Amino acid sequence: MIATALSYGKLLAIAALIIADARVPAGEGPEWFDWMRTNKLSSVLITFFACNAIEQQLLATGAFEVSLNGHDVFSKLQSGRLPSLEEMVSFVNMAKRYESQ
């Protein structure tokens, strides 16, 4: 939820920065905004990568969940491990069997 809001905020900030020349006269905004406006490429890159780093931290739970038709098939949080290759193949086979029914 917070990560999604941050993602939209990031896009709005970048769009505002690009459009700022037409909307806000030079020198009428805060000093940091004038710096961002004169250094657009740096500002866009800093905003993009800083927000992405924060989003990744918010989303990094270590979870790996597999569900089939709304039923949990595997949970890394519950088992404490990642599924083996054989287990992953069996999940795919279960999904194929379910789709064919």
Protein backbone atom coordinates (compact mmCIF):
# COMPACT_ATOMS: atom_id res chain seq x y z
CA MET A 1 0.00 0.00 0.00
CA ILE A 2 2.67 2.50 1.01
CA ALA A 3 4.97 1.28 -1.77
CA THR A 4 2.19 1.76 -4.34
CA ALA A 5 1.52 5.29 -3.10
CA LEU A 6 5.26 6.03 -3.23
CA SER A 7 5.41 4.73 -6.79
CA TYR A 8 2.59 7.03 -7.90
CA GLY A 9 4.13 9.91 -5.95
CA LYS A 10 7.43 9.33 -7.72
CA LEU A 11 5.76 9.52 -11.11
CA LEU A 12 3.86 12.66 -10.14
CA ALA A 13 7.05 14.31 -8.84
CA ILE A 14 8.90 13.54 -12.07
CA ALA A 15 5.98 14.83 -14.16
CA ALA A 16 5.78 18.00 -12.04
CA LEU A 17 9.50 18.53 -12.45
CA ILE A 18 9.26 18.23 -16.22
CA ILE A 19 6.26 20.58 -16.44
CA ALA A 20 7.57 23.08 -13.85
CA ASP A 21 9.10 25.51 -16.37
CA ALA A 22 5.70 26.34 -17.81
CA ARG A 23 3.88 26.60 -14.47
CA VAL A 24 6.24 28.14 -11.89
CA PRO A 25 8.28 31.23 -12.77
CA ALA A 26 11.99 30.97 -12.01
CA GLY A 27 12.95 32.15 -8.53
CA GLU A 28 9.44 31.92 -7.09
CA GLY A 29 9.80 28.39 -5.73
CA PRO A 30 11.98 27.14 -2.89
CA GLU A 31 15.74 27.05 -3.47
CA TRP A 32 15.83 23.23 -3.70
CA PHE A 33 13.10 23.35 -6.36
CA ASP A 34 15.06 25.87 -8.42
CA TRP A 35 18.10 23.57 -8.17
CA MET A 36 16.00 20.62 -9.34
CA ARG A 37 14.62 22.65 -12.22
CA THR A 38 18.04 23.73 -13.44
CA ASN A 39 19.41 20.17 -13.07
CA LYS A 40 16.48 18.20 -14.48
CA LEU A 41 18.29 15.06 -15.56
CA SER A 42 20.05 14.67 -12.23
CA SER A 43 16.83 15.42 -10.36
CA VAL A 44 14.79 12.88 -12.30
CA LEU A 45 17.44 10.19 -11.84
CA ILE A 46 17.85 10.90 -8.12
CA THR A 47 14.07 10.89 -7.59
CA PHE A 48 13.63 7.69 -9.60
CA PHE A 49 16.42 5.68 -7.98
CA ALA A 50 15.86 6.94 -4.43
CA CYS A 51 12.15 6.12 -4.59
CA ASN A 52 12.87 2.71 -6.12
CA ALA A 53 15.29 1.90 -3.30
CA ILE A 54 12.68 2.84 -0.70
CA GLU A 55 9.98 0.83 -2.54
CA GLN A 56 12.23 -2.24 -2.60
CA GLN A 57 12.83 -1.99 1.14
CA LEU A 58 9.09 -1.71 1.78
CA LEU A 59 8.33 -4.73 -0.40
CA ALA A 60 11.21 -6.95 0.76
CA THR A 61 9.50 -9.35 3.14
CA GLY A 62 11.31 -12.49 2.10
CA ALA A 63 7.95 -13.99 1.19
CA PHE A 64 7.58 -16.50 -1.59
CA GLU A 65 3.99 -17.65 -1.78
CA VAL A 66 2.46 -20.05 -4.28
CA SER A 67 -1.31 -20.32 -4.47
CA LEU A 68 -3.62 -22.21 -6.79
CA ASN A 69 -7.23 -21.09 -7.17
CA GLY A 70 -7.04 -19.09 -3.97
CA HIS A 71 -5.56 -21.92 -1.88
CA ASP A 72 -2.03 -21.64 -0.51
CA VAL A 73 0.17 -24.39 -1.92
CA PHE A 74 3.53 -23.24 -0.57
CA SER A 75 4.72 -20.52 1.82
CA LYS A 76 8.36 -19.65 2.42
CA LEU A 77 7.35 -17.72 5.52
CA GLN A 78 5.76 -20.84 7.02
CA SER A 79 8.33 -23.41 5.87
CA GLY A 80 11.43 -21.23 6.21
CA ARG A 81 12.83 -22.35 2.86
CA LEU A 82 12.37 -21.96 -0.89
CA PRO A 83 10.66 -24.77 -2.80
CA SER A 84 12.83 -27.28 -4.62
CA LEU A 85 12.77 -27.64 -8.39
CA GLU A 86 10.68 -30.80 -8.06
CA GLU A 87 8.13 -28.96 -5.92
CA MET A 88 7.93 -26.12 -8.44
CA VAL A 89 7.36 -28.62 -11.27
CA SER A 90 4.59 -30.26 -9.23
CA PHE A 91 2.96 -26.82 -8.69
CA VAL A 92 2.95 -26.25 -12.45
CA ASN A 93 1.52 -29.73 -13.07
CA MET A 94 -1.21 -29.13 -10.48
CA ALA A 95 -2.09 -25.86 -12.22
CA LYS A 96 -2.27 -27.59 -15.62
CA ARG A 97 -4.51 -30.34 -14.21
CA TYR A 98 -6.74 -27.74 -12.60
CA GLU A 99 -7.07 -25.75 -15.85
CA SER A 100 -8.01 -28.89 -17.82
CA GLN A 101 -10.93 -29.67 -15.49
